[in-house]
Protein backbone atom coordinates (compact mmCIF):
# COMPACT_ATOMS: atom_id res chain seq x y z
CA MET A 1 -40.58 23.62 -98.86
CA TYR A 2 -41.47 21.10 -101.55
CA GLN A 3 -40.21 17.51 -101.66
CA THR A 4 -41.32 16.34 -105.11
CA CYS A 5 -40.63 17.50 -108.67
CA ILE A 6 -43.17 20.02 -109.96
CA TYR A 7 -42.83 18.48 -113.44
CA CYS A 8 -43.00 14.69 -112.91
CA ALA A 9 -43.87 14.38 -109.18
CA ALA A 10 -40.81 12.20 -108.50
CA HIS A 11 -39.20 12.52 -105.08
CA LEU A 12 -36.28 14.95 -105.18
CA GLY A 13 -34.26 13.25 -102.45
CA ALA A 14 -32.43 14.98 -99.62
CA ASN A 15 -29.00 16.26 -98.66
CA ASP A 16 -27.22 16.84 -95.35
CA VAL A 17 -24.94 19.66 -96.46
CA LEU A 18 -27.41 22.56 -96.83
CA GLU A 19 -29.25 23.00 -93.56
CA ALA A 20 -31.35 25.84 -94.99
CA PHE A 21 -32.35 23.75 -98.03
CA PRO A 22 -32.08 19.99 -97.38
CA VAL A 23 -33.98 19.12 -100.58
CA GLY A 24 -32.34 17.23 -103.45
CA ARG A 25 -29.01 15.52 -104.10
CA SER A 26 -28.22 17.89 -106.98
CA ILE A 27 -28.48 21.58 -106.17
CA ALA A 28 -28.01 24.45 -108.62
CA PHE A 29 -27.54 28.06 -107.55
CA ASP A 30 -26.82 31.50 -108.94
CA GLY A 31 -25.22 33.64 -106.24
CA TRP A 32 -25.44 36.84 -108.28
CA LYS A 33 -29.17 36.64 -108.99
CA GLY A 34 -30.02 34.75 -105.83
CA ARG A 35 -31.61 31.72 -107.47
CA LEU A 36 -31.70 28.18 -106.19
CA TRP A 37 -32.90 24.96 -107.84
CA ALA A 38 -33.24 21.31 -106.90
CA LEU A 39 -32.63 19.00 -109.86
CA CYS A 40 -35.01 16.09 -110.29
CA PRO A 41 -33.16 12.72 -110.35
CA LYS A 42 -35.83 11.27 -112.68
CA CYS A 43 -36.59 13.91 -115.33
CA ALA A 44 -33.53 16.17 -114.72
CA ARG A 45 -35.70 19.31 -114.67
CA TRP A 46 -34.71 22.25 -112.47
CA ASN A 47 -37.18 23.02 -109.66
CA LEU A 48 -36.95 26.65 -108.55
CA ALA A 49 -36.91 27.13 -104.77
CA PRO A 50 -39.33 29.59 -103.12
CA ILE A 51 -37.70 32.98 -103.07
CA GLU A 52 -37.87 33.35 -99.29
CA GLU A 53 -35.80 30.18 -98.80
CA ARG A 54 -32.88 31.01 -101.05
CA TRP A 55 -30.30 33.44 -99.69
CA GLU A 56 -28.93 31.51 -96.74
CA ALA A 57 -28.82 28.30 -98.77
CA VAL A 58 -27.20 30.03 -101.76
CA GLU A 59 -24.45 31.52 -99.61
CA ALA A 60 -23.79 28.15 -97.94
CA ALA A 61 -23.73 26.41 -101.33
CA ASP A 62 -21.23 28.96 -102.66
CA ARG A 63 -18.89 28.30 -99.73
CA LEU A 64 -19.15 24.54 -100.21
CA PHE A 65 -18.50 24.87 -103.94
CA THR A 66 -15.39 26.98 -103.35
CA ASP A 67 -14.01 24.43 -100.87
CA ALA A 68 -14.93 21.38 -102.99
CA ARG A 69 -12.11 18.96 -103.67
CA LEU A 70 -13.25 18.16 -107.17
CA ARG A 71 -14.87 20.66 -109.48
CA VAL A 72 -14.92 21.68 -113.13
CA GLN A 73 -16.07 24.91 -114.73
CA SER A 74 -17.24 25.99 -118.16
CA GLU A 75 -17.87 29.59 -119.17
CA ASN A 76 -21.26 29.78 -117.43
CA VAL A 77 -21.71 26.67 -115.28
CA GLY A 78 -19.55 24.87 -112.71
CA LEU A 79 -20.00 21.42 -111.23
CA ALA A 80 -18.65 20.16 -107.91
CA LYS A 81 -19.04 16.81 -106.20
CA LEU A 82 -18.94 16.72 -102.41
CA ARG A 83 -17.77 13.86 -100.22
CA ASP A 84 -21.29 12.65 -99.44
CA GLY A 85 -22.21 12.49 -103.13
CA THR A 86 -24.15 15.76 -103.26
CA ARG A 87 -23.64 17.67 -106.53
CA LEU A 88 -23.48 21.45 -106.61
CA ILE A 89 -24.03 23.30 -109.89
CA ARG A 90 -22.80 26.88 -109.74
CA VAL A 91 -24.10 29.35 -112.31
CA GLY A 92 -21.75 32.20 -113.12
CA GLN A 93 -18.16 32.94 -114.11
CA ALA A 94 -15.40 30.55 -113.11
CA LEU A 95 -13.72 31.06 -109.77
CA PRO A 96 -10.15 32.37 -109.82
CA GLY A 97 -7.48 29.70 -109.39
CA GLU A 98 -9.76 26.88 -110.51
CA LEU A 99 -7.42 24.18 -109.17
CA ALA A 100 -9.05 21.24 -107.43
CA ALA A 101 -7.62 19.64 -104.30
CA TRP A 102 -7.10 15.92 -104.69
CA ARG A 103 -9.63 14.00 -102.58
CA TYR A 104 -8.29 10.79 -104.08
CA GLY A 105 -5.38 11.15 -101.67
CA ASP A 106 -7.59 10.00 -98.81
CA GLN A 107 -7.87 6.63 -100.52
CA LEU A 108 -4.08 6.37 -100.54
CA VAL A 109 -3.93 6.99 -96.80
CA ARG A 110 -6.54 4.27 -96.20
CA ARG A 111 -4.60 1.97 -98.54
CA ARG A 112 -1.49 2.49 -96.40
CA ARG A 113 -3.40 1.55 -93.24
CA SER A 114 -4.56 -1.66 -94.90
CA TYR A 115 -1.02 -2.37 -96.10
CA LEU A 116 0.44 -1.85 -92.62
CA ILE A 117 -2.21 -4.09 -91.07
CA ALA A 118 -1.44 -6.81 -93.62
CA ALA A 119 2.32 -6.36 -93.12
CA GLY A 120 1.85 -6.55 -89.36
CA GLY A 121 -0.10 -9.76 -89.75
CA ALA A 122 2.62 -11.22 -91.95
CA ALA A 123 5.28 -10.22 -89.45
CA ALA A 124 3.33 -11.80 -86.60
CA LEU A 125 3.01 -14.97 -88.65
CA GLY A 126 6.75 -14.94 -89.33
CA ILE A 127 7.52 -14.52 -85.62
CA ALA A 128 5.15 -17.36 -84.80
CA VAL A 129 6.81 -19.55 -87.40
CA VAL A 130 10.29 -18.73 -86.11
CA GLY A 131 9.20 -19.29 -82.53
CA GLY A 132 7.68 -22.61 -83.35
CA ALA A 133 10.68 -23.55 -85.43
CA VAL A 134 13.08 -22.81 -82.60
CA ALA A 135 10.99 -24.93 -80.32
CA LEU A 136 11.26 -27.72 -82.86
CA THR A 137 15.02 -27.04 -83.44
CA ALA A 138 14.34 -26.48 -87.13
CA SER A 139 14.19 -22.69 -87.34
CA ALA A 140 16.44 -22.25 -90.37
CA GLY A 141 14.43 -24.58 -92.55
CA MET A 142 11.10 -23.09 -91.48
CA VAL A 143 12.22 -19.51 -92.08
CA SER A 144 13.58 -20.48 -95.47
CA ALA A 145 10.30 -22.15 -96.36
CA PHE A 146 8.34 -19.07 -95.24
CA ASN A 147 10.50 -16.76 -97.36
CA GLY A 148 10.13 -19.10 -100.30
CA LEU A 149 6.36 -19.07 -100.03
CA PHE A 150 6.37 -15.28 -99.84
CA GLN A 151 8.51 -15.02 -102.97
CA VAL A 152 6.22 -17.41 -104.85
CA TRP A 153 3.18 -15.34 -103.84
CA ASN A 154 4.89 -12.07 -104.82
CA GLN A 155 5.93 -13.42 -108.22
CA LYS A 156 2.40 -14.62 -108.84
CA GLN A 157 1.10 -11.12 -108.13
CA GLN A 158 3.65 -9.54 -110.48
CA ARG A 159 2.64 -11.91 -113.31
CA LYS A 160 -0.98 -10.75 -113.31
CA VAL A 161 -2.11 -9.10 -116.52
CA VAL A 162 -3.28 -5.51 -116.01
CA TYR A 163 -3.87 -4.59 -119.65
CA ARG A 164 -4.59 -6.51 -122.83
CA LEU A 165 -4.40 -5.15 -126.38
CA ASP A 166 -6.07 -6.92 -129.30
CA PRO A 167 -3.96 -7.53 -132.43
CA ALA A 168 -5.84 -4.77 -134.28
CA GLU A 169 -4.83 -2.20 -131.64
CA SER A 170 -1.47 -3.60 -130.61
CA PRO A 171 1.63 -1.80 -131.95
CA THR A 172 3.22 -5.25 -132.47
CA GLY A 173 0.38 -6.54 -134.67
CA SER A 174 -0.30 -9.41 -132.29
CA GLU A 175 -2.08 -9.67 -128.95
CA LEU A 176 -0.14 -7.81 -126.27
CA LEU A 177 -0.38 -8.76 -122.61
CA LEU A 178 1.06 -6.26 -120.16
CA ARG A 179 1.79 -7.47 -116.64
CA ARG A 180 2.36 -5.70 -113.36
CA TRP A 181 6.14 -6.09 -113.41
CA GLN A 182 6.34 -4.34 -116.77
CA ALA A 183 4.76 -1.20 -115.31
CA SER A 184 7.72 -0.49 -113.04
CA GLY A 185 10.05 -0.36 -116.05
CA SER A 186 7.82 1.87 -118.16
CA VAL A 187 8.97 5.31 -119.26
CA LEU A 188 6.78 8.33 -119.97
CA ARG A 189 7.45 10.23 -123.19
CA GLU A 190 5.99 13.11 -125.16
CA SER A 191 4.10 11.92 -128.22
CA ALA A 192 4.44 13.48 -131.65
CA ASP A 193 0.91 14.93 -131.47
CA GLY A 194 1.58 16.78 -128.22
CA GLY A 195 0.09 14.19 -125.87
CA ILE A 196 1.87 11.53 -123.85
CA SER A 197 3.05 8.05 -124.70
CA LEU A 198 4.46 5.20 -122.64
CA LEU A 199 7.42 2.99 -123.45
CA VAL A 200 6.65 -0.39 -121.91
CA PRO A 201 9.27 -3.18 -121.67
CA ALA A 202 8.28 -5.78 -124.27
CA SER A 203 8.49 -9.37 -123.20
CA SER A 204 6.63 -12.61 -123.79
CA ARG A 205 7.93 -13.85 -120.44
CA LYS A 206 5.71 -14.05 -117.39
CA ASP A 207 8.64 -13.12 -115.16
CA PRO A 208 11.25 -10.39 -115.73
CA LYS A 209 14.88 -11.14 -116.37
CA VAL A 210 16.87 -10.22 -113.26
CA ASP A 211 20.46 -9.42 -112.44
CA GLY A 212 22.52 -10.98 -109.68
CA TRP A 213 20.73 -8.87 -107.08
CA GLY A 214 17.29 -9.91 -108.23
CA ARG A 215 16.55 -6.55 -109.87
CA PRO A 216 14.66 -6.54 -113.20
CA LYS A 217 16.72 -6.06 -116.37
CA PHE A 218 14.87 -4.19 -119.10
CA THR A 219 16.93 -5.14 -122.15
CA ASP A 220 14.27 -5.90 -124.77
CA PRO A 221 13.13 -3.12 -127.17
CA PRO A 222 10.10 -1.40 -125.61
CA VAL A 223 6.60 -1.14 -127.03
CA GLU A 224 5.20 2.37 -127.31
CA LEU A 225 1.62 2.85 -126.15
CA PRO A 226 -0.15 5.92 -127.59
CA ASP A 227 -1.89 8.48 -125.39
CA ALA A 228 -5.27 6.80 -124.84
CA HIS A 229 -3.85 3.32 -124.18
CA ALA A 230 -1.05 4.75 -122.06
CA ARG A 231 -3.52 6.50 -119.75
CA VAL A 232 -5.65 3.37 -119.29
CA PHE A 233 -2.64 1.16 -118.60
CA LEU A 234 -1.17 3.70 -116.18
CA GLY A 235 -4.50 4.12 -114.40
CA ARG A 236 -4.56 0.40 -113.66
CA ALA A 237 -0.85 -0.12 -113.06
CA MET A 238 -0.30 2.76 -110.62
CA VAL A 239 -2.67 1.18 -108.11
CA HIS A 240 -0.26 -1.76 -107.88
CA LEU A 241 2.88 0.36 -107.90
CA ASN A 242 1.45 2.37 -104.99
CA ALA A 243 0.07 -0.68 -103.20
CA SER A 244 1.61 0.43 -99.89
CA GLY A 245 -0.35 3.69 -99.95
CA ALA A 246 1.01 6.89 -98.43
CA SER A 247 1.53 8.65 -95.14
CA ARG A 248 -0.03 12.07 -94.64
CA LYS A 249 3.39 13.71 -94.97
CA ARG A 250 4.16 11.97 -98.26
CA LEU A 251 0.66 12.70 -99.49
CA GLU A 252 1.13 16.41 -98.78
CA SER A 253 4.35 16.34 -100.83
CA ALA A 254 2.51 14.67 -103.73
CA VAL A 255 -0.31 17.20 -103.63
CA GLY A 256 2.32 19.96 -103.54
CA MET A 257 3.83 18.59 -106.75
CA LEU A 258 0.42 18.68 -108.43
CA SER A 259 -0.23 22.20 -107.20
CA ASP A 260 3.15 23.38 -108.49
CA ALA A 261 2.33 21.91 -111.90
CA GLY A 262 -0.96 23.88 -112.01
CA SER A 263 -3.21 20.97 -112.98
CA ALA A 264 -3.26 17.20 -113.20
CA GLU A 265 -2.79 17.29 -116.97
CA SER A 266 0.17 19.66 -116.65
CA PHE A 267 1.82 17.26 -114.21
CA LEU A 268 1.37 14.36 -116.63
CA ARG A 269 2.85 16.32 -119.50
CA ARG A 270 5.77 17.54 -117.41
CA ALA A 271 6.63 13.98 -116.34
CA ALA A 272 6.43 12.92 -119.99
CA ALA A 273 8.61 15.82 -121.14
CA GLU A 274 11.24 14.83 -118.56
CA GLY A 275 11.15 11.18 -119.67
CA ARG A 276 10.44 9.84 -116.20
CA SER A 277 10.41 6.10 -115.52
CA LEU A 278 7.88 4.66 -113.08
CA GLY A 279 10.49 2.60 -111.25
CA LYS A 280 14.25 2.44 -110.85
CA ARG A 281 16.16 1.29 -113.93
CA GLN A 282 19.87 0.53 -114.21
CA ASP A 283 20.12 2.27 -117.57
CA MET A 284 18.55 5.52 -116.29
CA PRO A 285 19.26 5.65 -112.54
CA ASP A 286 18.30 9.30 -111.99
CA ARG A 287 15.18 9.54 -114.14
CA HIS A 288 12.66 7.59 -112.07
CA LEU A 289 9.76 9.16 -110.25
CA ARG A 290 10.27 9.38 -106.51
CA PRO A 291 7.61 7.81 -104.25
CA GLU A 292 5.88 11.20 -104.05
CA GLY A 293 5.94 11.39 -107.84
CA THR A 294 4.28 8.01 -108.35
CA LEU A 295 1.58 9.02 -105.86
CA ALA A 296 1.08 12.31 -107.69
CA LEU A 297 0.87 10.46 -111.00
CA GLU A 298 -1.84 8.12 -109.74
CA MET A 299 -3.84 11.03 -108.34
CA ALA A 300 -3.41 13.00 -111.55
CA LEU A 301 -4.69 10.11 -113.69
CA HIS A 302 -7.69 9.62 -111.42
CA GLU A 303 -8.40 13.34 -111.33
CA GLU A 304 -8.31 13.66 -115.11
CA SER A 305 -10.63 10.70 -115.68
CA GLU A 306 -13.21 12.14 -113.29
CA ARG A 307 -12.75 15.61 -114.73
CA ARG A 308 -13.40 14.41 -118.29
CA ALA A 309 -16.59 12.70 -117.15
CA MET A 310 -17.73 15.84 -115.35
CA GLU A 311 -16.88 18.06 -118.32
CA GLY A 312 -19.15 15.94 -120.50
CA GLU A 313 -21.87 16.48 -117.92
CA LEU A 314 -21.37 20.24 -118.04
CA THR A 315 -22.58 20.48 -121.63
CA LEU A 316 -25.94 18.99 -120.68
CA LEU A 317 -26.16 21.07 -117.51
CA GLU A 318 -25.55 24.33 -119.36
CA ALA A 319 -28.39 23.62 -121.81
CA ALA A 320 -30.73 22.75 -118.93
CA TRP A 321 -29.70 25.88 -117.03
CA ARG A 322 -30.67 28.16 -119.93
CA ASP A 323 -34.20 26.74 -119.91
CA ALA A 324 -34.44 26.94 -116.12
CA GLU A 325 -33.09 30.51 -116.08
CA HIS A 326 -35.79 31.64 -118.50
CA ILE A 327 -38.51 30.19 -116.27
CA ALA A 328 -36.91 31.60 -113.10
CA GLU A 329 -36.76 35.08 -114.60
CA ILE A 330 -40.49 34.97 -115.31
CA ALA A 331 -41.31 33.52 -111.87
CA ASP A 332 -39.24 36.05 -109.96
CA GLY A 333 -40.71 38.85 -112.04
CA LEU A 334 -44.19 37.83 -110.84
CA ALA A 335 -43.17 37.69 -107.18
CA VAL A 336 -44.70 40.25 -104.86
CA ASP A 337 -42.88 41.84 -101.92
CA VAL A 338 -39.59 40.20 -102.75
CA PRO A 339 -37.38 40.41 -99.65
CA ALA A 340 -34.13 42.31 -100.17
CA ARG A 341 -30.88 40.42 -99.91
CA PRO A 342 -29.42 40.99 -96.43
CA GLY A 343 -26.31 43.15 -96.44
CA PRO A 344 -23.22 42.92 -94.19
CA ALA A 345 -24.72 45.34 -91.69
CA ASP A 346 -27.74 43.08 -91.21
CA GLY A 347 -25.53 40.30 -89.81
C-alpha cells in the first residue's frame, strides 16, 4: 500500500474511516467497475489503488457515502463530506432520494447546552445577589439593579450590526445598517424573478419602537433585500435568532420539516411563498415561523451555502475523474490474474 503520490511524491495523508484503505483524506471510488483512488492534496491527481486492495474498501466507502449527512451529486460524480473531514467521491449515477440529512443540527444542540450553562450561571448569580441583598435588607433595590443591567446588556446585543450595505447596493441609495432586532421583524417573500426576497423593517434607530408591553412595533415602510443579499443577511441573523439552540426533540421536528419540503431550497421557497415572518408581529400574528421553523430555516441556509460550494467542486472533480478513468482502464487491462469480485455466497 503506497503512502505518497505517484505523480509528485507528496504525502497522501491518512483517514480513519476506511480500515481496508487508510490512505488519503480524499478517496474516490467506482463501485460498478471496482476502482479506488486516493487524491493527492498537493497536485490533485488521482492515484489508483492496487487492484487486490480495492473491493472491501470500495464497499465500505459506498456505505459511508450513502449514510453521509452532506452530499451532492452531478450526472457522473458525487461528493460527500464525513464528520472527520474525509471526502468521498463516488463515480456513477446519483443515488435515489438524494436528500442530505442535516449535520448542522448537531451545532444547534451544542449551542443549546452552552445557552443553558450560561442561563444557569446567570440564575445562580441572581440568587446570590438576592441572597446577599436580603442579608443587607436591600433586596428590592439589588434585584432591580440586576434586572436593569441585564436589560442594558440585552439591548446592546440587539443593536449590533449584522449586515451592512454600501450606497451603491442599498435599495435606499444610502448606506444601510441592519441590526439584530430588525431580523425578528423581517418577512420572507417571493421575488419577481422566482427567487426569494426579504422585507426588513427600515429604521435609522438603534433601538426598536416598542408598545406598552415592550414588544417591537414595525410601523416604518420596510426595505426589500433581493435574493443574494437576503440569503447573506438571513445566514448571519438566524444564528442570533436561534441563540438558545435546540433540544433533540425540536431538532427532529425541524429536520422533519426540511424532509417534507424535499430539499433545503424548497423549504426556503415555501416559506417565502407563504410570506412567513421570522418573529411574532402584531400586524401578522399567525404568519411567523414557529421555533422549529426558524431552526429549519437556519439549517436550510447553511446547507445551501455548503451545497453550492460543493457543486462548484464537482465540476473540477468530474474533469479529473475522466483523466483518471482513462489511466485506470489501461492499468486494469494490463493486470494479470485479476481476482474476481466476491459474490454473496462467498461471505
